[in-house]
């Protein structure tokens, strides 16, 4: 019985590490705050739109 608990705990630790690596928490935060996601997308698009003329200018 103790061996099964240890294996289960190790498996849960591996799953937790994988979830942390995938940054699923950040995705959930963005889904819960749509205004933040809109703002991030807006500024990212603005950066992309201004980046090309600046590169071509210099």
PDB file of N, CA and C in Angstrom:
ATOM      1  N   UNK A   1       0.817  -1.192   0.000  1.00  0.00           N
ATOM      2  CA  UNK A   1       0.000   0.000   0.000  1.00  0.00           C
ATOM      3  C   UNK A   1       0.862   1.258   0.000  1.00  0.00           C
ATOM      4  N   UNK A   2       1.930   1.274   0.766  1.00  0.00           N
ATOM      5  CA  UNK A   2       2.813   2.424   0.827  1.00  0.00           C
ATOM      6  C   UNK A   2       3.518   2.676  -0.497  1.00  0.00           C
ATOM      7  N   UNK A   3       3.846   1.604  -1.210  1.00  0.00           N
ATOM      8  CA  UNK A   3       4.511   1.718  -2.510  1.00  0.00           C
ATOM      9  C   UNK A   3       3.592   2.390  -3.526  1.00  0.00           C
ATOM     10  N   UNK A   4       2.303   2.048  -3.494  1.00  0.00           N
ATOM     11  CA  UNK A   4       1.338   2.655  -4.410  1.00  0.00           C
ATOM     12  C   UNK A   4       1.190   4.146  -4.135  1.00  0.00           C
ATOM     13  N   UNK A   5       1.170   4.521  -2.866  1.00  0.00           N
ATOM     14  CA  UNK A   5       1.048   5.940  -2.515  1.00  0.00           C
ATOM     15  C   UNK A   5       2.262   6.723  -2.995  1.00  0.00           C
ATOM     16  N   UNK A   6       3.439   6.139  -2.861  1.00  0.00           N
ATOM     17  CA  UNK A   6       4.665   6.814  -3.295  1.00  0.00           C
ATOM     18  C   UNK A   6       4.664   6.997  -4.805  1.00  0.00           C
ATOM     19  N   UNK A   7       4.243   5.967  -5.543  1.00  0.00           N
ATOM     20  CA  UNK A   7       4.191   6.061  -7.005  1.00  0.00           C
ATOM     21  C   UNK A   7       3.169   7.108  -7.451  1.00  0.00           C
ATOM     22  N   UNK A   8       2.041   7.145  -6.765  1.00  0.00           N
ATOM     23  CA  UNK A   8       1.017   8.131  -7.091  1.00  0.00           C
ATOM     24  C   UNK A   8       1.527   9.540  -6.825  1.00  0.00           C
ATOM     25  N   UNK A   9       2.223   9.719  -5.716  1.00  0.00           N
ATOM     26  CA  UNK A   9       2.773  11.034  -5.392  1.00  0.00           C
ATOM     27  C   UNK A   9       3.817  11.459  -6.419  1.00  0.00           C
ATOM     28  N   UNK A  10       4.669  10.545  -6.846  1.00  0.00           N
ATOM     29  CA  UNK A  10       5.672  10.862  -7.865  1.00  0.00           C
ATOM     30  C   UNK A  10       5.003  11.249  -9.189  1.00  0.00           C
ATOM     31  N   UNK A  11       3.952  10.513  -9.543  1.00  0.00           N
ATOM     32  CA  UNK A  11       3.225  10.818 -10.775  1.00  0.00           C
ATOM     33  C   UNK A  11       2.576  12.199 -10.691  1.00  0.00           C
ATOM     34  N   UNK A  12       1.968  12.512  -9.553  1.00  0.00           N
ATOM     35  CA  UNK A  12       1.356  13.829  -9.382  1.00  0.00           C
ATOM     36  C   UNK A  12       2.397  14.934  -9.445  1.00  0.00           C
ATOM     37  N   UNK A  13       3.561  14.711  -8.878  1.00  0.00           N
ATOM     38  CA  UNK A  13       4.636  15.707  -8.946  1.00  0.00           C
ATOM     39  C   UNK A  13       5.071  15.940 -10.391  1.00  0.00           C
ATOM     40  N   UNK A  14       5.165  14.872 -11.179  1.00  0.00           N
ATOM     41  CA  UNK A  14       5.533  15.011 -12.590  1.00  0.00           C
ATOM     42  C   UNK A  14       4.483  15.803 -13.357  1.00  0.00           C
ATOM     43  N   UNK A  15       3.212  15.517 -13.076  1.00  0.00           N
ATOM     44  CA  UNK A  15       2.125  16.231 -13.748  1.00  0.00           C
ATOM     45  C   UNK A  15       2.162  17.704 -13.371  1.00  0.00           C
ATOM     46  N   UNK A  16       2.387  18.008 -12.109  1.00  0.00           N
ATOM     47  CA  UNK A  16       2.469  19.399 -11.657  1.00  0.00           C
ATOM     48  C   UNK A  16       3.611  20.136 -12.348  1.00  0.00           C
ATOM     49  N   UNK A  17       4.756  19.490 -12.467  1.00  0.00           N
ATOM     50  CA  UNK A  17       5.891  20.120 -13.136  1.00  0.00           C
ATOM     51  C   UNK A  17       5.587  20.398 -14.607  1.00  0.00           C
ATOM     52  N   UNK A  18       4.913  19.455 -15.271  1.00  0.00           N
ATOM     53  CA  UNK A  18       4.560  19.649 -16.673  1.00  0.00           C
ATOM     54  C   UNK A  18       3.581  20.812 -16.837  1.00  0.00           C
ATOM     55  N   UNK A  19       2.623  20.927 -15.912  1.00  0.00           N
ATOM     56  CA  UNK A  19       1.671  22.034 -15.984  1.00  0.00           C
ATOM     57  C   UNK A  19       2.367  23.373 -15.765  1.00  0.00           C
ATOM     58  N   UNK A  20       3.317  23.414 -14.860  1.00  0.00           N
ATOM     59  CA  UNK A  20       4.061  24.641 -14.630  1.00  0.00           C
ATOM     60  C   UNK A  20       4.884  25.012 -15.858  1.00  0.00           C
ATOM     61  N   UNK A  21       5.479  24.024 -16.489  1.00  0.00           N
ATOM     62  CA  UNK A  21       6.277  24.289 -17.686  1.00  0.00           C
ATOM     63  C   UNK A  21       5.409  24.775 -18.835  1.00  0.00           C
ATOM     64  N   UNK A  22       4.179  24.297 -18.917  1.00  0.00           N
ATOM     65  CA  UNK A  22       3.309  24.691 -20.023  1.00  0.00           C
ATOM     66  C   UNK A  22       2.673  26.057 -19.786  1.00  0.00           C
ATOM     67  N   UNK A  23       2.851  26.616 -18.618  1.00  0.00           N
ATOM     68  CA  UNK A  23       2.346  27.947 -18.263  1.00  0.00           C
ATOM     69  C   UNK A  23       0.846  28.039 -18.435  1.00  0.00           C
ATOM     70  N   UNK A  24       0.161  26.967 -18.065  1.00  0.00           N
ATOM     71  CA  UNK A  24      -1.296  26.939 -18.191  1.00  0.00           C
ATOM     72  C   UNK A  24      -1.935  27.975 -17.277  1.00  0.00           C
ATOM     73  N   UNK A  25      -1.279  28.301 -16.176  1.00  0.00           N
ATOM     74  CA  UNK A  25      -1.812  29.306 -15.256  1.00  0.00           C
ATOM     75  C   UNK A  25      -1.896  30.673 -15.893  1.00  0.00           C
ATOM     76  N   UNK A  26      -0.898  31.029 -16.693  1.00  0.00           N
ATOM     77  CA  UNK A  26      -0.913  32.314 -17.394  1.00  0.00           C
ATOM     78  C   UNK A  26      -2.077  32.374 -18.385  1.00  0.00           C
ATOM     79  N   UNK A  27      -2.317  31.269 -19.063  1.00  0.00           N
ATOM     80  CA  UNK A  27      -3.421  31.212 -20.016  1.00  0.00           C
ATOM     81  C   UNK A  27      -4.758  31.392 -19.301  1.00  0.00           C
ATOM     82  N   UNK A  28      -4.912  30.729 -18.163  1.00  0.00           N
ATOM     83  CA  UNK A  28      -6.155  30.843 -17.398  1.00  0.00           C
ATOM     84  C   UNK A  28      -6.344  32.275 -16.919  1.00  0.00           C
ATOM     85  N   UNK A  29      -5.277  32.930 -16.474  1.00  0.00           N
ATOM     86  CA  UNK A  29      -5.359  34.327 -16.039  1.00  0.00           C
ATOM     87  C   UNK A  29      -5.836  35.227 -17.176  1.00  0.00           C
ATOM     88  N   UNK A  30      -5.321  35.003 -18.374  1.00  0.00           N
ATOM     89  CA  UNK A  30      -5.746  35.811 -19.522  1.00  0.00           C
ATOM     90  C   UNK A  30      -7.209  35.564 -19.879  1.00  0.00           C
ATOM     91  N   UNK A  31      -7.660  34.329 -19.746  1.00  0.00           N
ATOM     92  CA  UNK A  31      -9.050  34.024 -20.062  1.00  0.00           C
ATOM     93  C   UNK A  31     -10.001  34.646 -19.041  1.00  0.00           C
ATOM     94  N   UNK A  32      -9.556  34.798 -17.809  1.00  0.00           N
ATOM     95  CA  UNK A  32     -10.408  35.378 -16.776  1.00  0.00           C
ATOM     96  C   UNK A  32     -10.411  36.903 -16.829  1.00  0.00           C
ATOM     97  N   UNK A  33      -9.448  37.504 -17.513  1.00  0.00           N
ATOM     98  CA  UNK A  33      -9.368  38.951 -17.621  1.00  0.00           C
ATOM     99  C   UNK A  33      -9.269  39.334 -19.096  1.00  0.00           C
ATOM    100  N   UNK A  34     -10.403  39.399 -19.799  1.00  0.00           N
ATOM    101  CA  UNK A  34     -10.363  39.644 -21.247  1.00  0.00           C
ATOM    102  C   UNK A  34      -9.816  41.020 -21.615  1.00  0.00           C
ATOM    103  N   UNK A  35      -9.984  42.025 -20.759  1.00  0.00           N
ATOM    104  CA  UNK A  35      -9.467  43.353 -21.082  1.00  0.00           C
ATOM    105  C   UNK A  35      -7.944  43.352 -21.138  1.00  0.00           C
ATOM    106  N   UNK A  36      -7.317  42.564 -20.274  1.00  0.00           N
ATOM    107  CA  UNK A  36      -5.859  42.457 -20.298  1.00  0.00           C
ATOM    108  C   UNK A  36      -5.404  41.795 -21.598  1.00  0.00           C
ATOM    109  N   UNK A  37      -6.143  40.774 -22.019  1.00  0.00           N
ATOM    110  CA  UNK A  37      -5.788  40.086 -23.255  1.00  0.00           C
ATOM    111  C   UNK A  37      -5.945  41.020 -24.451  1.00  0.00           C
ATOM    112  N   UNK A  38      -7.002  41.830 -24.458  1.00  0.00           N
ATOM    113  CA  UNK A  38      -7.211  42.784 -25.549  1.00  0.00           C
ATOM    114  C   UNK A  38      -6.081  43.806 -25.581  1.00  0.00           C
ATOM    115  N   UNK A  39      -5.699  44.306 -24.409  1.00  0.00           N
ATOM    116  CA  UNK A  39      -4.625  45.292 -24.338  1.00  0.00           C
ATOM    117  C   UNK A  39      -3.302  44.692 -24.805  1.00  0.00           C
ATOM    118  N   UNK A  40      -2.998  43.468 -24.370  1.00  0.00           N
ATOM    119  CA  UNK A  40      -1.755  42.829 -24.807  1.00  0.00           C
ATOM    120  C   UNK A  40      -1.736  42.622 -26.309  1.00  0.00           C
ATOM    121  N   UNK A  41      -2.853  42.194 -26.877  1.00  0.00           N
ATOM    122  CA  UNK A  41      -2.920  41.997 -28.324  1.00  0.00           C
ATOM    123  C   UNK A  41      -2.787  43.320 -29.063  1.00  0.00           C
ATOM    124  N   UNK A  42      -3.402  44.369 -28.540  1.00  0.00           N
ATOM    125  CA  UNK A  42      -3.316  45.680 -29.180  1.00  0.00           C
ATOM    126  C   UNK A  42      -1.881  46.176 -29.231  1.00  0.00           C
ATOM    127  N   UNK A  43      -1.187  46.114 -28.082  1.00  0.00           N
ATOM    128  CA  UNK A  43       0.184  46.616 -28.049  1.00  0.00           C
ATOM    129  C   UNK A  43       1.141  45.736 -28.844  1.00  0.00           C
ATOM    130  N   UNK A  44       0.866  44.442 -28.906  1.00  0.00           N
ATOM    131  CA  UNK A  44       1.698  43.569 -29.725  1.00  0.00           C
ATOM    132  C   UNK A  44       1.525  43.919 -31.204  1.00  0.00           C
ATOM    133  N   UNK A  45       0.294  44.142 -31.626  1.00  0.00           N
ATOM    134  CA  UNK A  45       0.039  44.512 -33.020  1.00  0.00           C
ATOM    135  C   UNK A  45       0.643  45.870 -33.340  1.00  0.00           C
ATOM    136  N   UNK A  46       0.544  46.801 -32.410  1.00  0.00           N
ATOM    137  CA  UNK A  46       1.139  48.119 -32.595  1.00  0.00           C
ATOM    138  C   UNK A  46       2.653  48.011 -32.756  1.00  0.00           C
ATOM    139  N   UNK A  47       3.266  47.168 -31.965  1.00  0.00           N
ATOM    140  CA  UNK A  47       4.713  46.957 -32.060  1.00  0.00           C
ATOM    141  C   UNK A  47       5.082  46.365 -33.419  1.00  0.00           C
ATOM    142  N   UNK A  48       4.305  45.408 -33.873  1.00  0.00           N
ATOM    143  CA  UNK A  48       4.591  44.794 -35.168  1.00  0.00           C
ATOM    144  C   UNK A  48       4.408  45.798 -36.303  1.00  0.00           C
ATOM    145  N   UNK A  49       3.361  46.628 -36.206  1.00  0.00           N
ATOM    146  CA  UNK A  49       3.098  47.594 -37.270  1.00  0.00           C
ATOM    147  C   UNK A  49       4.147  48.699 -37.316  1.00  0.00           C
ATOM    148  N   UNK A  50       4.677  49.088 -36.176  1.00  0.00           N
ATOM    149  CA  UNK A  50       5.693  50.138 -36.150  1.00  0.00           C
ATOM    150  C   UNK A  50       7.102  49.586 -36.337  1.00  0.00           C
ATOM    151  N   UNK A  51       7.273  48.308 -36.123  1.00  0.00           N
ATOM    152  CA  UNK A  51       8.614  47.721 -36.209  1.00  0.00           C
ATOM    153  C   UNK A  51       9.172  47.705 -37.618  1.00  0.00           C
ATOM    154  N   UNK A  52       8.372  47.340 -38.572  1.00  0.00           N
ATOM    155  CA  UNK A  52       8.840  47.246 -39.962  1.00  0.00           C
ATOM    156  C   UNK A  52       9.243  48.616 -40.517  1.00  0.00           C
ATOM    157  N   UNK A  53       8.447  49.662 -40.383  1.00  0.00           N
ATOM    158  CA  UNK A  53       8.918  50.971 -40.885  1.00  0.00           C
ATOM    159  C   UNK A  53      10.184  51.455 -40.211  1.00  0.00           C
ATOM    160  N   UNK A  54      10.325  51.184 -38.932  1.00  0.00           N
ATOM    161  CA  UNK A  54      11.546  51.614 -38.231  1.00  0.00           C
ATOM    162  C   UNK A  54      12.752  50.871 -38.751  1.00  0.00           C
ATOM    163  N   UNK A  55      12.602  49.582 -39.033  1.00  0.00           N
ATOM    164  CA  UNK A  55      13.718  48.800 -39.570  1.00  0.00           C
ATOM    165  C   UNK A  55      14.081  49.280 -40.965  1.00  0.00           C
ATOM    166  N   UNK A  56      13.085  49.561 -41.765  1.00  0.00           N
ATOM    167  CA  UNK A  56      13.336  50.030 -43.130  1.00  0.00           C
ATOM    168  C   UNK A  56      13.896  51.444 -43.137  1.00  0.00           C
ATOM    169  N   UNK A  57      13.549  52.246 -42.155  1.00  0.00           N
ATOM    170  CA  UNK A  57      14.023  53.613 -42.072  1.00  0.00           C
ATOM    171  C   UNK A  57      15.508  53.666 -41.751  1.00  0.00           C
ATOM    172  N   UNK A  58      15.944  52.790 -40.876  1.00  0.00           N
ATOM    173  CA  UNK A  58      17.345  52.799 -40.462  1.00  0.00           C
ATOM    174  C   UNK A  58      18.026  51.679 -41.127  1.00  0.00           C
TER     175      UNK A  58
END
